[in-house]
Amino acid sequence: MRKPLLLSLALLTAPVMAAELVVDVEIPRLQVAEYHRPYVALWLEEPDKRHVANLAVWYDLKLKDNEGEKWLKDMREWWRRSGRSLQMPVDGVSGATRAVGTHQLTFDDTKAPLKDLPAGDYRLVVEAAREVGGRELLRLPFTWPPQNAEKQQAQGESELGSVTVQLNP
C-alpha cells in the first residue's frame, strides 16, 4: 500500500520541465572618447516583421524628469514596431542600461510572453543604440516550441557583441 502512495507523491513533487528561451547579449567594450551605455531592446517578431512581444528594454531610468524615455526612439525599428505605443516603464520588461559584459535573460513557457505564444517560426530581434555612438540590429530565427535543444548565434559589429539564443524543450 505504501509504495503506490510514495510513487504518487514523488511524481507530484517532481519538477515540471518547461520549454525555455535563454538569451545572452554581449555589450562590448568600446574604445571611444565619450562612452555611454547603450539602450537595448529585445523583442519577438514573426518572419514578416510583425511584432509579437517585448522581452526587455534597457534604458536610463534614473534621468531627471524621465529624460531617458526621450531617447528610446533612437532604437528606431523597435520604436516603430512597438515602443511608441508603450507607456514606460513596463513592469517586467523595462530596466536599467547594462554595463560592458554578457547579460543573460531566461524566459519559459509558464509565464508571459511565451505562455501563450502559438507554435510557429519567430525571430528574436536585438537592437542597440548609444548616445554619441551608433545603432545596430541583429535577428536570430527560431521555431517555437523547440522540439530539441537548439542554439543560434549572431555577431554584432559595433554596438552589440555576440548574441546567442538557446532553446530548450
N, C-alpha and C. Protein backbone atom coordinates (compact mmCIF):
# COMPACT_ATOMS: atom_id res chain seq x y z
N MET A 1 0.82 -1.20 0.00
CA MET A 1 0.00 0.00 0.00
C MET A 1 0.86 1.27 0.00
N ARG A 2 1.95 1.24 0.71
CA ARG A 2 2.76 2.44 0.84
C ARG A 2 3.49 2.79 -0.45
N LYS A 3 3.92 1.80 -1.23
CA LYS A 3 4.69 2.08 -2.43
C LYS A 3 3.91 2.91 -3.44
N PRO A 4 2.65 2.59 -3.77
CA PRO A 4 1.91 3.42 -4.72
C PRO A 4 1.73 4.86 -4.20
N LEU A 5 1.53 5.02 -2.92
CA LEU A 5 1.37 6.35 -2.35
C LEU A 5 2.67 7.14 -2.47
N LEU A 6 3.78 6.50 -2.14
CA LEU A 6 5.08 7.17 -2.24
C LEU A 6 5.40 7.51 -3.69
N LEU A 7 5.10 6.62 -4.60
CA LEU A 7 5.34 6.89 -6.01
C LEU A 7 4.49 8.06 -6.48
N SER A 8 3.23 8.11 -6.08
CA SER A 8 2.35 9.21 -6.44
C SER A 8 2.88 10.53 -5.90
N LEU A 9 3.33 10.53 -4.66
CA LEU A 9 3.88 11.74 -4.07
C LEU A 9 5.15 12.17 -4.79
N ALA A 10 5.98 11.24 -5.15
CA ALA A 10 7.22 11.55 -5.87
C ALA A 10 6.90 12.18 -7.23
N LEU A 11 5.91 11.66 -7.92
CA LEU A 11 5.53 12.22 -9.21
C LEU A 11 4.96 13.62 -9.07
N LEU A 12 4.22 13.87 -8.01
CA LEU A 12 3.65 15.18 -7.78
C LEU A 12 4.70 16.23 -7.45
N THR A 13 5.79 15.81 -6.80
CA THR A 13 6.81 16.76 -6.41
C THR A 13 7.95 16.85 -7.42
N ALA A 14 7.93 16.02 -8.45
CA ALA A 14 8.98 16.07 -9.48
C ALA A 14 8.87 17.40 -10.24
N PRO A 15 10.00 17.99 -10.59
CA PRO A 15 9.94 19.27 -11.30
C PRO A 15 9.32 19.10 -12.68
N VAL A 16 8.50 20.04 -13.07
CA VAL A 16 7.90 20.05 -14.38
C VAL A 16 8.84 20.84 -15.28
N MET A 17 9.28 20.21 -16.34
CA MET A 17 10.19 20.87 -17.25
C MET A 17 9.40 21.78 -18.19
N ALA A 18 9.85 23.00 -18.31
CA ALA A 18 9.19 23.96 -19.17
C ALA A 18 10.12 24.28 -20.34
N ALA A 19 9.54 24.46 -21.49
CA ALA A 19 10.33 24.90 -22.64
C ALA A 19 10.84 26.29 -22.33
N GLU A 20 12.10 26.54 -22.69
CA GLU A 20 12.65 27.85 -22.37
C GLU A 20 13.48 28.42 -23.50
N LEU A 21 13.60 29.72 -23.45
CA LEU A 21 14.39 30.50 -24.37
C LEU A 21 15.38 31.28 -23.52
N VAL A 22 16.67 31.04 -23.72
CA VAL A 22 17.71 31.71 -22.95
C VAL A 22 18.49 32.60 -23.93
N VAL A 23 18.59 33.88 -23.59
CA VAL A 23 19.26 34.84 -24.45
C VAL A 23 20.48 35.41 -23.74
N ASP A 24 21.62 35.37 -24.41
CA ASP A 24 22.84 36.02 -23.93
C ASP A 24 23.13 37.19 -24.84
N VAL A 25 23.26 38.38 -24.25
CA VAL A 25 23.55 39.59 -25.01
C VAL A 25 24.86 40.16 -24.50
N GLU A 26 25.81 40.32 -25.40
CA GLU A 26 27.09 40.90 -25.02
C GLU A 26 27.12 42.38 -25.38
N ILE A 27 27.46 43.19 -24.37
CA ILE A 27 27.70 44.62 -24.57
C ILE A 27 29.22 44.76 -24.65
N PRO A 28 29.76 45.11 -25.83
CA PRO A 28 31.21 45.13 -25.98
C PRO A 28 31.86 46.38 -25.35
N ARG A 29 33.12 46.24 -25.01
CA ARG A 29 33.91 47.38 -24.53
C ARG A 29 34.37 48.15 -25.76
N LEU A 30 34.03 49.40 -25.83
CA LEU A 30 34.41 50.25 -26.96
C LEU A 30 35.46 51.26 -26.53
N GLN A 31 36.45 51.47 -27.36
CA GLN A 31 37.48 52.45 -27.08
C GLN A 31 37.10 53.74 -27.79
N VAL A 32 36.31 54.56 -27.10
CA VAL A 32 35.83 55.82 -27.66
C VAL A 32 36.06 56.92 -26.64
N ALA A 33 36.10 58.17 -27.12
CA ALA A 33 36.36 59.30 -26.23
C ALA A 33 35.23 59.51 -25.22
N GLU A 34 34.00 59.39 -25.69
CA GLU A 34 32.84 59.61 -24.81
C GLU A 34 31.96 58.37 -24.86
N TYR A 35 31.98 57.58 -23.79
CA TYR A 35 31.22 56.33 -23.78
C TYR A 35 29.94 56.49 -22.97
N HIS A 36 28.85 56.02 -23.54
CA HIS A 36 27.56 55.94 -22.86
C HIS A 36 27.06 54.51 -23.03
N ARG A 37 26.47 53.97 -21.97
CA ARG A 37 25.88 52.63 -22.09
C ARG A 37 24.77 52.66 -23.13
N PRO A 38 24.67 51.59 -23.94
CA PRO A 38 23.64 51.58 -24.98
C PRO A 38 22.25 51.31 -24.41
N TYR A 39 21.26 51.86 -25.09
CA TYR A 39 19.89 51.47 -24.87
C TYR A 39 19.71 50.21 -25.71
N VAL A 40 19.02 49.21 -25.17
CA VAL A 40 18.86 47.93 -25.87
C VAL A 40 17.41 47.48 -25.76
N ALA A 41 16.85 47.02 -26.88
CA ALA A 41 15.51 46.44 -26.89
C ALA A 41 15.60 45.03 -27.45
N LEU A 42 14.89 44.11 -26.82
CA LEU A 42 14.80 42.73 -27.30
C LEU A 42 13.32 42.41 -27.47
N TRP A 43 12.96 41.89 -28.63
CA TRP A 43 11.56 41.54 -28.85
C TRP A 43 11.46 40.35 -29.80
N LEU A 44 10.27 39.79 -29.85
CA LEU A 44 9.97 38.69 -30.76
C LEU A 44 9.13 39.23 -31.91
N GLU A 45 9.43 38.71 -33.10
CA GLU A 45 8.63 39.09 -34.26
C GLU A 45 8.40 37.86 -35.12
N GLU A 46 7.41 37.94 -35.97
CA GLU A 46 7.14 36.89 -36.94
C GLU A 46 8.04 37.13 -38.15
N PRO A 47 8.19 36.16 -39.04
CA PRO A 47 9.07 36.33 -40.21
C PRO A 47 8.71 37.54 -41.08
N ASP A 48 7.45 37.98 -41.06
CA ASP A 48 7.06 39.15 -41.84
C ASP A 48 7.33 40.46 -41.09
N LYS A 49 8.07 40.39 -39.97
CA LYS A 49 8.47 41.52 -39.13
C LYS A 49 7.34 42.06 -38.26
N ARG A 50 6.22 41.34 -38.18
CA ARG A 50 5.14 41.78 -37.31
C ARG A 50 5.53 41.53 -35.86
N HIS A 51 5.44 42.55 -35.04
CA HIS A 51 5.81 42.49 -33.63
C HIS A 51 4.91 41.50 -32.89
N VAL A 52 5.53 40.65 -32.03
CA VAL A 52 4.78 39.67 -31.25
C VAL A 52 4.80 40.03 -29.77
N ALA A 53 5.99 40.27 -29.21
CA ALA A 53 6.10 40.56 -27.78
C ALA A 53 7.43 41.22 -27.46
N ASN A 54 7.41 42.12 -26.49
CA ASN A 54 8.64 42.71 -25.98
C ASN A 54 9.20 41.80 -24.90
N LEU A 55 10.51 41.57 -24.92
CA LEU A 55 11.16 40.78 -23.89
C LEU A 55 11.88 41.68 -22.88
N ALA A 56 12.57 42.70 -23.37
CA ALA A 56 13.31 43.60 -22.48
C ALA A 56 13.59 44.92 -23.19
N VAL A 57 13.61 45.99 -22.42
CA VAL A 57 14.03 47.31 -22.90
C VAL A 57 14.89 47.90 -21.80
N TRP A 58 16.17 48.11 -22.14
CA TRP A 58 17.12 48.67 -21.18
C TRP A 58 17.40 50.11 -21.56
N TYR A 59 17.12 51.02 -20.62
CA TYR A 59 17.37 52.44 -20.88
C TYR A 59 17.67 53.15 -19.57
N ASP A 60 18.01 54.42 -19.65
CA ASP A 60 18.41 55.18 -18.46
C ASP A 60 17.16 55.61 -17.70
N LEU A 61 16.83 54.83 -16.68
CA LEU A 61 15.62 55.08 -15.89
C LEU A 61 15.79 56.22 -14.90
N LYS A 62 17.03 56.57 -14.58
CA LYS A 62 17.28 57.50 -13.48
C LYS A 62 17.45 58.96 -13.90
N LEU A 63 17.34 59.24 -15.19
CA LEU A 63 17.47 60.63 -15.60
C LEU A 63 16.29 61.45 -15.08
N LYS A 64 16.59 62.67 -14.71
CA LYS A 64 15.58 63.57 -14.16
C LYS A 64 14.44 63.79 -15.16
N ASP A 65 13.25 63.88 -14.64
CA ASP A 65 12.03 64.13 -15.44
C ASP A 65 11.83 63.10 -16.55
N ASN A 66 12.21 61.85 -16.29
CA ASN A 66 12.06 60.76 -17.28
C ASN A 66 12.73 61.09 -18.62
N GLU A 67 13.80 61.85 -18.57
CA GLU A 67 14.52 62.26 -19.77
C GLU A 67 15.00 61.06 -20.59
N GLY A 68 15.29 59.93 -19.92
CA GLY A 68 15.75 58.75 -20.63
C GLY A 68 14.75 58.23 -21.65
N GLU A 69 13.48 58.42 -21.39
CA GLU A 69 12.44 57.96 -22.32
C GLU A 69 12.51 58.68 -23.66
N LYS A 70 13.00 59.90 -23.64
CA LYS A 70 13.10 60.70 -24.86
C LYS A 70 14.01 60.04 -25.90
N TRP A 71 14.99 59.28 -25.43
CA TRP A 71 15.97 58.69 -26.34
C TRP A 71 15.60 57.28 -26.78
N LEU A 72 14.50 56.75 -26.29
CA LEU A 72 14.08 55.41 -26.72
C LEU A 72 13.84 55.34 -28.22
N LYS A 73 13.40 56.44 -28.80
CA LYS A 73 13.11 56.43 -30.24
C LYS A 73 14.36 56.27 -31.09
N ASP A 74 15.56 56.36 -30.47
CA ASP A 74 16.79 56.10 -31.22
C ASP A 74 16.92 54.62 -31.60
N MET A 75 16.20 53.76 -30.89
CA MET A 75 16.10 52.36 -31.31
C MET A 75 14.95 52.33 -32.30
N ARG A 76 15.25 52.76 -33.51
CA ARG A 76 14.23 53.10 -34.50
C ARG A 76 13.27 51.98 -34.85
N GLU A 77 13.80 50.80 -35.09
CA GLU A 77 12.91 49.72 -35.51
C GLU A 77 11.99 49.30 -34.37
N TRP A 78 12.55 49.14 -33.16
CA TRP A 78 11.72 48.80 -32.01
C TRP A 78 10.68 49.90 -31.79
N TRP A 79 11.08 51.15 -31.89
CA TRP A 79 10.17 52.27 -31.66
C TRP A 79 8.99 52.21 -32.62
N ARG A 80 9.27 51.93 -33.89
CA ARG A 80 8.18 51.88 -34.89
C ARG A 80 7.27 50.68 -34.68
N ARG A 81 7.83 49.55 -34.30
CA ARG A 81 7.05 48.32 -34.16
C ARG A 81 6.23 48.29 -32.88
N SER A 82 6.78 48.87 -31.78
CA SER A 82 6.10 48.70 -30.50
C SER A 82 6.29 49.86 -29.53
N GLY A 83 7.47 50.41 -29.50
CA GLY A 83 7.84 51.37 -28.45
C GLY A 83 6.96 52.59 -28.32
N ARG A 84 6.59 53.17 -29.44
CA ARG A 84 5.82 54.42 -29.35
C ARG A 84 4.43 54.23 -28.75
N SER A 85 3.95 52.99 -28.73
CA SER A 85 2.62 52.74 -28.16
C SER A 85 2.67 52.31 -26.69
N LEU A 86 3.88 52.21 -26.13
CA LEU A 86 4.03 51.78 -24.73
C LEU A 86 4.08 52.97 -23.79
N GLN A 87 3.59 52.75 -22.59
CA GLN A 87 3.72 53.73 -21.52
C GLN A 87 4.85 53.21 -20.64
N MET A 88 6.02 53.83 -20.72
CA MET A 88 7.19 53.36 -19.98
C MET A 88 7.16 53.91 -18.56
N PRO A 89 7.75 53.22 -17.60
CA PRO A 89 8.34 51.90 -17.69
C PRO A 89 7.27 50.80 -17.73
N VAL A 90 7.66 49.64 -18.27
CA VAL A 90 6.77 48.49 -18.38
C VAL A 90 7.25 47.44 -17.39
N ASP A 91 6.40 47.09 -16.45
CA ASP A 91 6.75 46.12 -15.42
C ASP A 91 7.17 44.79 -16.05
N GLY A 92 8.31 44.28 -15.63
CA GLY A 92 8.80 43.00 -16.13
C GLY A 92 9.49 43.07 -17.48
N VAL A 93 9.51 44.25 -18.10
CA VAL A 93 10.14 44.41 -19.41
C VAL A 93 11.25 45.44 -19.35
N SER A 94 10.97 46.63 -18.83
CA SER A 94 11.97 47.69 -18.84
C SER A 94 12.89 47.59 -17.64
N GLY A 95 14.11 48.05 -17.85
CA GLY A 95 15.11 48.05 -16.80
C GLY A 95 16.25 48.97 -17.17
N ALA A 96 17.20 49.08 -16.27
CA ALA A 96 18.34 49.97 -16.46
C ALA A 96 19.28 49.46 -17.54
N THR A 97 20.04 50.38 -18.11
CA THR A 97 21.06 50.01 -19.09
C THR A 97 22.05 49.06 -18.42
N ARG A 98 22.75 48.30 -19.23
CA ARG A 98 23.69 47.31 -18.72
C ARG A 98 25.12 47.72 -19.02
N ALA A 99 26.02 47.31 -18.13
CA ALA A 99 27.45 47.59 -18.29
C ALA A 99 28.05 46.65 -19.33
N VAL A 100 29.29 46.91 -19.68
CA VAL A 100 30.04 46.04 -20.57
C VAL A 100 30.04 44.63 -19.99
N GLY A 101 29.84 43.63 -20.84
CA GLY A 101 29.83 42.24 -20.41
C GLY A 101 28.69 41.48 -21.07
N THR A 102 28.51 40.23 -20.66
CA THR A 102 27.45 39.39 -21.21
C THR A 102 26.33 39.29 -20.18
N HIS A 103 25.12 39.50 -20.65
CA HIS A 103 23.94 39.51 -19.78
C HIS A 103 22.97 38.44 -20.26
N GLN A 104 22.47 37.64 -19.33
CA GLN A 104 21.60 36.52 -19.68
C GLN A 104 20.17 36.78 -19.23
N LEU A 105 19.23 36.48 -20.10
CA LEU A 105 17.81 36.55 -19.80
C LEU A 105 17.22 35.19 -20.10
N THR A 106 16.33 34.72 -19.22
CA THR A 106 15.70 33.42 -19.41
C THR A 106 14.19 33.59 -19.37
N PHE A 107 13.53 33.00 -20.36
CA PHE A 107 12.08 33.03 -20.46
C PHE A 107 11.60 31.60 -20.63
N ASP A 108 10.46 31.27 -20.02
CA ASP A 108 9.92 29.92 -20.21
C ASP A 108 8.43 29.98 -20.50
N ASP A 109 7.90 28.82 -20.90
CA ASP A 109 6.51 28.78 -21.34
C ASP A 109 5.49 28.71 -20.21
N THR A 110 5.93 28.94 -18.98
CA THR A 110 4.97 29.00 -17.86
C THR A 110 4.53 30.44 -17.58
N LYS A 111 5.22 31.42 -18.20
CA LYS A 111 4.90 32.83 -17.97
C LYS A 111 4.88 33.57 -19.31
N ALA A 112 4.23 34.73 -19.28
CA ALA A 112 4.23 35.60 -20.46
C ALA A 112 5.67 36.02 -20.74
N PRO A 113 6.04 36.25 -21.96
CA PRO A 113 5.21 36.23 -23.16
C PRO A 113 5.16 34.87 -23.86
N LEU A 114 5.92 33.88 -23.38
CA LEU A 114 5.95 32.59 -24.08
C LEU A 114 4.77 31.70 -23.74
N LYS A 115 4.10 31.97 -22.64
CA LYS A 115 3.00 31.11 -22.19
C LYS A 115 1.92 30.94 -23.26
N ASP A 116 1.57 32.01 -23.92
CA ASP A 116 0.50 31.96 -24.92
C ASP A 116 1.02 32.10 -26.35
N LEU A 117 2.33 31.90 -26.54
CA LEU A 117 2.91 32.03 -27.87
C LEU A 117 2.53 30.83 -28.73
N PRO A 118 1.81 31.05 -29.82
CA PRO A 118 1.42 29.94 -30.69
C PRO A 118 2.65 29.28 -31.33
N ALA A 119 2.55 28.02 -31.64
CA ALA A 119 3.64 27.32 -32.32
C ALA A 119 3.89 27.99 -33.67
N GLY A 120 5.16 28.11 -34.02
CA GLY A 120 5.49 28.70 -35.31
C GLY A 120 6.91 29.21 -35.38
N ASP A 121 7.20 29.88 -36.49
CA ASP A 121 8.52 30.45 -36.72
C ASP A 121 8.55 31.89 -36.25
N TYR A 122 9.62 32.24 -35.56
CA TYR A 122 9.79 33.58 -34.99
C TYR A 122 11.23 34.02 -35.17
N ARG A 123 11.46 35.27 -34.81
CA ARG A 123 12.82 35.80 -34.75
C ARG A 123 12.96 36.61 -33.47
N LEU A 124 14.09 36.42 -32.82
CA LEU A 124 14.47 37.30 -31.73
C LEU A 124 15.18 38.47 -32.37
N VAL A 125 14.77 39.68 -32.01
CA VAL A 125 15.41 40.88 -32.53
C VAL A 125 16.05 41.61 -31.36
N VAL A 126 17.30 42.00 -31.55
CA VAL A 126 18.02 42.77 -30.54
C VAL A 126 18.52 44.03 -31.22
N GLU A 127 18.11 45.18 -30.68
CA GLU A 127 18.52 46.47 -31.25
C GLU A 127 19.19 47.28 -30.16
N ALA A 128 20.31 47.90 -30.50
CA ALA A 128 21.04 48.73 -29.55
C ALA A 128 21.34 50.08 -30.19
N ALA A 129 21.25 51.13 -29.40
CA ALA A 129 21.60 52.48 -29.85
C ALA A 129 22.30 53.17 -28.69
N ARG A 130 23.33 53.94 -29.03
CA ARG A 130 24.13 54.58 -27.99
C ARG A 130 24.30 56.06 -28.32
N GLU A 131 24.13 56.90 -27.27
CA GLU A 131 24.36 58.33 -27.41
C GLU A 131 25.81 58.56 -27.82
N VAL A 132 26.01 59.44 -28.78
CA VAL A 132 27.33 59.72 -29.34
C VAL A 132 27.94 58.41 -29.86
N GLY A 133 27.10 57.57 -30.39
CA GLY A 133 27.55 56.28 -30.91
C GLY A 133 26.69 55.87 -32.08
N GLY A 134 26.60 54.60 -32.29
CA GLY A 134 25.85 54.09 -33.42
C GLY A 134 24.61 53.33 -33.01
N ARG A 135 24.10 52.59 -33.97
CA ARG A 135 22.91 51.78 -33.80
C ARG A 135 23.16 50.47 -34.50
N GLU A 136 22.66 49.39 -33.91
CA GLU A 136 22.86 48.08 -34.52
C GLU A 136 21.67 47.19 -34.22
N LEU A 137 21.36 46.30 -35.18
CA LEU A 137 20.21 45.42 -35.04
C LEU A 137 20.60 44.02 -35.51
N LEU A 138 20.25 43.01 -34.71
CA LEU A 138 20.50 41.61 -35.06
C LEU A 138 19.21 40.83 -34.98
N ARG A 139 19.04 39.86 -35.90
CA ARG A 139 17.86 38.99 -35.90
C ARG A 139 18.32 37.55 -35.86
N LEU A 140 17.70 36.76 -34.98
CA LEU A 140 18.03 35.34 -34.87
C LEU A 140 16.74 34.53 -35.01
N PRO A 141 16.62 33.71 -36.06
CA PRO A 141 15.41 32.92 -36.27
C PRO A 141 15.35 31.69 -35.36
N PHE A 142 14.13 31.31 -35.00
CA PHE A 142 13.93 30.09 -34.22
C PHE A 142 12.49 29.62 -34.40
N THR A 143 12.24 28.37 -34.02
CA THR A 143 10.90 27.79 -34.07
C THR A 143 10.45 27.52 -32.64
N TRP A 144 9.20 27.89 -32.35
CA TRP A 144 8.63 27.69 -31.01
C TRP A 144 7.43 26.78 -31.12
N PRO A 145 7.24 25.84 -30.23
CA PRO A 145 8.14 25.43 -29.15
C PRO A 145 9.26 24.56 -29.71
N PRO A 146 10.40 24.56 -29.03
CA PRO A 146 11.52 23.75 -29.53
C PRO A 146 11.26 22.26 -29.33
N GLN A 147 11.60 21.48 -30.33
CA GLN A 147 11.46 20.02 -30.23
C GLN A 147 12.74 19.41 -29.67
N ASN A 148 13.87 20.07 -29.94
CA ASN A 148 15.18 19.63 -29.48
C ASN A 148 15.94 20.86 -28.98
N ALA A 149 16.97 20.63 -28.19
CA ALA A 149 17.84 21.73 -27.78
C ALA A 149 18.47 22.31 -29.04
N GLU A 150 18.50 23.62 -29.10
CA GLU A 150 18.97 24.30 -30.30
C GLU A 150 19.65 25.60 -29.89
N LYS A 151 20.64 26.02 -30.67
CA LYS A 151 21.36 27.25 -30.35
C LYS A 151 21.57 28.05 -31.63
N GLN A 152 21.28 29.34 -31.57
CA GLN A 152 21.51 30.27 -32.67
C GLN A 152 22.42 31.36 -32.15
N GLN A 153 23.31 31.86 -33.01
CA GLN A 153 24.21 32.93 -32.59
C GLN A 153 24.40 33.93 -33.72
N ALA A 154 24.51 35.20 -33.35
CA ALA A 154 24.82 36.26 -34.31
C ALA A 154 25.88 37.14 -33.67
N GLN A 155 26.72 37.73 -34.50
CA GLN A 155 27.80 38.57 -34.01
C GLN A 155 27.58 40.00 -34.47
N GLY A 156 27.53 40.91 -33.50
CA GLY A 156 27.43 42.31 -33.83
C GLY A 156 28.77 42.85 -34.30
N GLU A 157 28.74 44.05 -34.86
CA GLU A 157 29.97 44.65 -35.37
C GLU A 157 30.37 45.91 -34.63
N SER A 158 29.43 46.52 -33.90
CA SER A 158 29.77 47.78 -33.22
C SER A 158 29.12 47.88 -31.84
N GLU A 159 27.84 48.11 -31.79
CA GLU A 159 27.16 48.34 -30.51
C GLU A 159 26.82 47.06 -29.76
N LEU A 160 26.78 45.95 -30.48
CA LEU A 160 26.50 44.65 -29.86
C LEU A 160 27.66 43.71 -30.14
N GLY A 161 27.92 42.83 -29.19
CA GLY A 161 28.90 41.76 -29.40
C GLY A 161 28.13 40.53 -29.85
N SER A 162 28.40 39.41 -29.22
CA SER A 162 27.74 38.16 -29.54
C SER A 162 26.34 38.13 -28.91
N VAL A 163 25.37 37.68 -29.68
CA VAL A 163 24.02 37.45 -29.17
C VAL A 163 23.69 35.99 -29.45
N THR A 164 23.31 35.27 -28.40
CA THR A 164 23.03 33.84 -28.51
C THR A 164 21.64 33.53 -27.99
N VAL A 165 20.93 32.66 -28.71
CA VAL A 165 19.63 32.16 -28.29
C VAL A 165 19.78 30.66 -28.09
N GLN A 166 19.48 30.19 -26.89
CA GLN A 166 19.48 28.76 -26.58
C GLN A 166 18.04 28.35 -26.35
N LEU A 167 17.56 27.37 -27.10
CA LEU A 167 16.20 26.86 -26.93
C LEU A 167 16.28 25.48 -26.30
N ASN A 168 15.48 25.29 -25.26
CA ASN A 168 15.44 24.00 -24.56
C ASN A 168 14.00 23.52 -24.49
N PRO A 169 13.75 22.25 -24.95
CA PRO A 169 12.37 21.75 -24.93
C PRO A 169 11.88 21.50 -23.50
